[in-house]
Amino acid sequence: TCSIHVGVSNIKNNTFRLINYSYKEFDVFDDKNFPFTATHDQMDGVVSMPIHDDKGDPCFNDLLKANYGQIEEEWVTNFLAASHRTGDTQMATYNFNKKLLLLQ
């Protein structure tokens, strides 16, 4: 069985959780407790699952780090999500201030 990664957010307290679910695992991560590595380091307010970095796609962490502090929902949807292969990814981007949801 393949892992499923689901993001859950809360507009009232401005939080986000990344859930990693599979037959043998159920993990809940945020921007503080994700198992960060030297390649995928911690950034306040950012959580991403590095699932395609080994297949020639641009590294999410590198792209996020290059734009950290100025990440907007349009950039995430139109550039970041589009930089990865299609067929196995559904990405949702939330902007709580604008009450906006974008799907890719």
N, C-alpha and C. Protein backbone atom coordinates (compact mmCIF):
# COMPACT_ATOMS: atom_id res chain seq x y z
N THR A 1 0.84 -1.18 0.00
CA THR A 1 0.00 0.00 0.00
C THR A 1 0.88 1.25 0.00
N CYS A 2 0.51 2.22 -0.79
CA CYS A 2 1.25 3.48 -0.87
C CYS A 2 0.90 4.38 0.31
N SER A 3 1.84 5.22 0.68
CA SER A 3 1.57 6.23 1.70
C SER A 3 0.70 7.33 1.12
N ILE A 4 -0.10 7.92 1.98
CA ILE A 4 -0.92 9.07 1.62
C ILE A 4 -0.48 10.22 2.51
N HIS A 5 -0.30 11.38 1.92
CA HIS A 5 0.10 12.58 2.67
C HIS A 5 -1.03 13.59 2.55
N VAL A 6 -1.56 13.99 3.70
CA VAL A 6 -2.71 14.89 3.72
C VAL A 6 -2.37 16.09 4.60
N GLY A 7 -2.71 17.27 4.12
CA GLY A 7 -2.52 18.48 4.91
C GLY A 7 -3.84 18.92 5.52
N VAL A 8 -3.80 19.27 6.80
CA VAL A 8 -4.98 19.75 7.51
C VAL A 8 -4.61 21.07 8.17
N SER A 9 -5.45 22.07 7.95
CA SER A 9 -5.14 23.39 8.51
C SER A 9 -6.30 23.91 9.33
N ASN A 10 -6.01 24.92 10.15
CA ASN A 10 -7.01 25.51 11.03
C ASN A 10 -6.90 27.02 10.94
N ILE A 11 -7.93 27.65 10.41
CA ILE A 11 -7.91 29.11 10.23
C ILE A 11 -7.96 29.85 11.57
N LYS A 12 -8.58 29.25 12.59
CA LYS A 12 -8.74 29.94 13.87
C LYS A 12 -7.41 30.15 14.59
N ASN A 13 -6.52 29.15 14.53
CA ASN A 13 -5.24 29.31 15.22
C ASN A 13 -4.05 29.31 14.25
N ASN A 14 -4.34 29.42 12.94
CA ASN A 14 -3.31 29.55 11.91
C ASN A 14 -2.26 28.44 12.00
N THR A 15 -2.74 27.20 12.05
CA THR A 15 -1.84 26.05 12.13
C THR A 15 -2.04 25.13 10.94
N PHE A 16 -1.03 24.30 10.71
CA PHE A 16 -1.06 23.33 9.62
C PHE A 16 -0.42 22.04 10.12
N ARG A 17 -1.01 20.92 9.75
CA ARG A 17 -0.45 19.61 10.07
C ARG A 17 -0.35 18.79 8.79
N LEU A 18 0.76 18.10 8.65
CA LEU A 18 0.97 17.18 7.53
C LEU A 18 0.83 15.77 8.09
N ILE A 19 -0.11 15.01 7.54
CA ILE A 19 -0.35 13.65 8.01
C ILE A 19 0.22 12.67 7.00
N ASN A 20 1.03 11.76 7.49
CA ASN A 20 1.62 10.69 6.69
C ASN A 20 0.92 9.41 7.13
N TYR A 21 0.17 8.81 6.21
CA TYR A 21 -0.64 7.64 6.55
C TYR A 21 -0.32 6.49 5.61
N SER A 22 -0.08 5.33 6.18
CA SER A 22 0.11 4.12 5.39
C SER A 22 -0.39 2.93 6.21
N TYR A 23 -0.23 1.76 5.66
CA TYR A 23 -0.67 0.54 6.33
C TYR A 23 -0.03 0.41 7.71
N LYS A 24 1.25 0.79 7.83
CA LYS A 24 1.98 0.59 9.08
C LYS A 24 2.27 1.88 9.85
N GLU A 25 1.94 3.03 9.28
CA GLU A 25 2.32 4.30 9.93
C GLU A 25 1.16 5.29 9.95
N PHE A 26 1.16 6.11 10.97
CA PHE A 26 0.29 7.28 11.04
C PHE A 26 1.07 8.34 11.80
N ASP A 27 1.60 9.30 11.07
CA ASP A 27 2.42 10.35 11.66
C ASP A 27 1.76 11.70 11.42
N VAL A 28 1.85 12.58 12.40
CA VAL A 28 1.34 13.94 12.27
C VAL A 28 2.51 14.89 12.50
N PHE A 29 2.79 15.71 11.47
CA PHE A 29 3.93 16.62 11.53
C PHE A 29 3.48 18.07 11.42
N ASP A 30 4.30 18.96 11.97
CA ASP A 30 4.14 20.39 11.75
C ASP A 30 5.51 20.96 11.41
N ASP A 31 5.65 22.28 11.42
CA ASP A 31 6.92 22.89 11.04
C ASP A 31 7.99 22.78 12.12
N LYS A 32 7.69 22.14 13.23
CA LYS A 32 8.68 21.97 14.30
C LYS A 32 9.10 20.51 14.49
N ASN A 33 8.20 19.55 14.26
CA ASN A 33 8.51 18.15 14.59
C ASN A 33 8.73 17.25 13.38
N PHE A 34 8.71 17.79 12.17
CA PHE A 34 8.98 16.98 10.99
C PHE A 34 10.41 16.43 11.08
N PRO A 35 10.67 15.20 10.60
CA PRO A 35 12.03 14.65 10.67
C PRO A 35 12.96 15.31 9.64
N PHE A 36 13.38 16.53 9.95
CA PHE A 36 14.21 17.31 9.04
C PHE A 36 15.59 16.68 8.90
N THR A 37 16.21 16.93 7.76
CA THR A 37 17.55 16.41 7.48
C THR A 37 18.43 17.57 7.02
N ALA A 38 19.68 17.29 6.73
CA ALA A 38 20.57 18.33 6.22
C ALA A 38 20.09 18.83 4.86
N THR A 39 19.45 17.96 4.09
CA THR A 39 18.94 18.33 2.77
C THR A 39 17.59 19.02 2.85
N HIS A 40 16.77 18.62 3.82
CA HIS A 40 15.43 19.19 4.00
C HIS A 40 15.33 19.74 5.41
N ASP A 41 15.81 20.98 5.56
CA ASP A 41 15.91 21.58 6.88
C ASP A 41 14.63 22.29 7.29
N GLN A 42 14.58 22.66 8.57
CA GLN A 42 13.41 23.28 9.17
C GLN A 42 13.28 24.74 8.74
N MET A 43 12.03 25.14 8.42
CA MET A 43 11.70 26.54 8.14
C MET A 43 10.40 26.84 8.88
N ASP A 44 10.39 27.89 9.68
CA ASP A 44 9.17 28.25 10.41
C ASP A 44 8.01 28.46 9.44
N GLY A 45 6.88 27.84 9.75
CA GLY A 45 5.67 28.02 8.95
C GLY A 45 5.62 27.22 7.68
N VAL A 46 6.59 26.33 7.44
CA VAL A 46 6.64 25.56 6.20
C VAL A 46 6.81 24.08 6.53
N VAL A 47 5.96 23.25 5.94
CA VAL A 47 6.09 21.80 6.02
C VAL A 47 5.87 21.26 4.62
N SER A 48 6.79 20.44 4.12
CA SER A 48 6.61 19.82 2.82
C SER A 48 7.14 18.40 2.87
N MET A 49 6.54 17.53 2.08
CA MET A 49 6.94 16.13 2.04
C MET A 49 7.82 15.92 0.81
N PRO A 50 9.10 15.59 1.00
CA PRO A 50 10.01 15.40 -0.14
C PRO A 50 9.82 14.02 -0.78
N ILE A 51 8.83 13.90 -1.68
CA ILE A 51 8.53 12.58 -2.22
C ILE A 51 9.14 12.31 -3.59
N HIS A 52 9.52 13.33 -4.34
CA HIS A 52 10.06 13.10 -5.68
C HIS A 52 11.48 13.63 -5.87
N ASP A 53 12.14 14.01 -4.82
CA ASP A 53 13.46 14.63 -4.96
C ASP A 53 14.49 13.70 -5.58
N ASP A 54 14.26 12.41 -5.50
CA ASP A 54 15.22 11.45 -6.04
C ASP A 54 14.93 11.07 -7.49
N LYS A 55 13.94 11.69 -8.12
CA LYS A 55 13.54 11.30 -9.47
C LYS A 55 13.82 12.39 -10.50
N GLY A 56 14.69 13.32 -10.18
CA GLY A 56 15.06 14.33 -11.15
C GLY A 56 14.22 15.59 -11.13
N ASP A 57 13.17 15.62 -10.32
CA ASP A 57 12.37 16.83 -10.20
C ASP A 57 13.13 17.84 -9.35
N PRO A 58 12.85 19.13 -9.52
CA PRO A 58 13.48 20.13 -8.65
C PRO A 58 13.13 19.85 -7.18
N CYS A 59 14.05 20.11 -6.30
CA CYS A 59 13.85 19.86 -4.87
C CYS A 59 12.92 20.92 -4.28
N PHE A 60 11.81 20.47 -3.68
CA PHE A 60 10.86 21.39 -3.04
C PHE A 60 11.58 22.26 -2.01
N ASN A 61 12.43 21.65 -1.20
CA ASN A 61 13.10 22.40 -0.13
C ASN A 61 13.95 23.53 -0.72
N ASP A 62 14.69 23.26 -1.79
CA ASP A 62 15.51 24.30 -2.41
C ASP A 62 14.64 25.43 -2.95
N LEU A 63 13.53 25.08 -3.60
CA LEU A 63 12.63 26.09 -4.15
C LEU A 63 11.97 26.91 -3.04
N LEU A 64 11.54 26.23 -1.97
CA LEU A 64 10.92 26.93 -0.85
C LEU A 64 11.93 27.85 -0.16
N LYS A 65 13.14 27.34 0.05
CA LYS A 65 14.17 28.13 0.73
C LYS A 65 14.52 29.39 -0.08
N ALA A 66 14.59 29.26 -1.40
CA ALA A 66 14.93 30.40 -2.25
C ALA A 66 13.85 31.48 -2.20
N ASN A 67 12.62 31.10 -1.87
CA ASN A 67 11.51 32.06 -1.83
C ASN A 67 10.96 32.28 -0.43
N TYR A 68 11.65 31.75 0.59
CA TYR A 68 11.19 31.84 1.96
C TYR A 68 11.01 33.30 2.38
N GLY A 69 9.89 33.58 3.00
CA GLY A 69 9.58 34.94 3.43
C GLY A 69 8.74 35.71 2.42
N GLN A 70 8.65 35.17 1.21
CA GLN A 70 7.84 35.81 0.17
C GLN A 70 7.01 34.78 -0.60
N ILE A 71 6.69 33.67 0.05
CA ILE A 71 5.91 32.61 -0.59
C ILE A 71 4.45 33.03 -0.64
N GLU A 72 3.90 33.07 -1.83
CA GLU A 72 2.50 33.42 -2.05
C GLU A 72 1.77 32.23 -2.65
N GLU A 73 0.46 32.17 -2.46
CA GLU A 73 -0.31 31.03 -2.93
C GLU A 73 -0.23 30.83 -4.44
N GLU A 74 -0.18 31.91 -5.21
CA GLU A 74 -0.09 31.78 -6.66
C GLU A 74 1.24 31.13 -7.07
N TRP A 75 2.33 31.48 -6.39
CA TRP A 75 3.64 30.89 -6.69
C TRP A 75 3.63 29.40 -6.37
N VAL A 76 3.04 29.03 -5.23
CA VAL A 76 2.98 27.61 -4.85
C VAL A 76 2.20 26.82 -5.89
N THR A 77 1.05 27.33 -6.28
CA THR A 77 0.19 26.61 -7.22
C THR A 77 0.76 26.60 -8.63
N ASN A 78 1.22 27.74 -9.12
CA ASN A 78 1.65 27.84 -10.52
C ASN A 78 3.10 27.44 -10.77
N PHE A 79 3.97 27.55 -9.77
CA PHE A 79 5.37 27.22 -9.99
C PHE A 79 5.82 25.99 -9.21
N LEU A 80 5.65 26.03 -7.89
CA LEU A 80 6.14 24.93 -7.06
C LEU A 80 5.45 23.61 -7.42
N ALA A 81 4.13 23.60 -7.42
CA ALA A 81 3.40 22.36 -7.75
C ALA A 81 3.66 21.94 -9.18
N ALA A 82 3.74 22.90 -10.08
CA ALA A 82 3.95 22.58 -11.50
C ALA A 82 5.35 22.04 -11.78
N SER A 83 6.28 22.20 -10.84
CA SER A 83 7.64 21.72 -11.06
C SER A 83 7.77 20.22 -10.86
N HIS A 84 6.71 19.58 -10.39
CA HIS A 84 6.74 18.14 -10.15
C HIS A 84 5.81 17.42 -11.11
N ARG A 85 6.09 16.15 -11.27
CA ARG A 85 5.31 15.32 -12.19
C ARG A 85 3.86 15.25 -11.76
N THR A 86 3.00 15.06 -12.72
CA THR A 86 1.58 14.93 -12.43
C THR A 86 1.20 13.46 -12.36
N GLY A 87 0.01 13.21 -11.92
CA GLY A 87 -0.50 11.85 -11.89
C GLY A 87 -0.59 11.25 -10.51
N ASP A 88 0.22 11.73 -9.58
CA ASP A 88 0.16 11.16 -8.24
C ASP A 88 0.14 12.23 -7.15
N THR A 89 -0.08 13.47 -7.53
CA THR A 89 -0.04 14.56 -6.55
C THR A 89 -1.25 15.47 -6.71
N GLN A 90 -1.87 15.77 -5.60
CA GLN A 90 -2.91 16.80 -5.53
C GLN A 90 -2.44 17.79 -4.48
N MET A 91 -2.30 19.04 -4.84
CA MET A 91 -1.79 20.02 -3.89
C MET A 91 -2.85 21.07 -3.61
N ALA A 92 -3.01 21.39 -2.33
CA ALA A 92 -3.92 22.45 -1.91
C ALA A 92 -3.09 23.54 -1.24
N THR A 93 -3.36 24.78 -1.60
CA THR A 93 -2.66 25.92 -1.02
C THR A 93 -3.70 26.82 -0.36
N TYR A 94 -3.47 27.14 0.90
CA TYR A 94 -4.40 27.96 1.66
C TYR A 94 -3.77 29.32 1.96
N ASN A 95 -4.57 30.38 1.85
CA ASN A 95 -4.18 31.69 2.33
C ASN A 95 -5.28 32.12 3.29
N PHE A 96 -5.00 31.99 4.59
CA PHE A 96 -6.02 32.29 5.60
C PHE A 96 -6.41 33.76 5.60
N ASN A 97 -5.45 34.65 5.36
CA ASN A 97 -5.77 36.08 5.38
C ASN A 97 -6.77 36.45 4.30
N LYS A 98 -6.63 35.85 3.13
CA LYS A 98 -7.54 36.13 2.01
C LYS A 98 -8.72 35.16 1.96
N LYS A 99 -8.72 34.15 2.86
CA LYS A 99 -9.73 33.09 2.85
C LYS A 99 -9.82 32.47 1.46
N LEU A 100 -8.65 32.01 0.99
CA LEU A 100 -8.49 31.52 -0.37
C LEU A 100 -7.95 30.10 -0.35
N LEU A 101 -8.49 29.26 -1.22
CA LEU A 101 -8.00 27.90 -1.41
C LEU A 101 -7.74 27.70 -2.89
N LEU A 102 -6.52 27.27 -3.22
CA LEU A 102 -6.16 26.96 -4.61
C LEU A 102 -5.78 25.49 -4.69
N LEU A 103 -6.28 24.80 -5.70
CA LEU A 103 -5.97 23.39 -5.90
C LEU A 103 -5.15 23.20 -7.15
N GLN A 104 -4.20 22.30 -7.08
CA GLN A 104 -3.37 21.97 -8.24
C GLN A 104 -3.43 20.48 -8.43
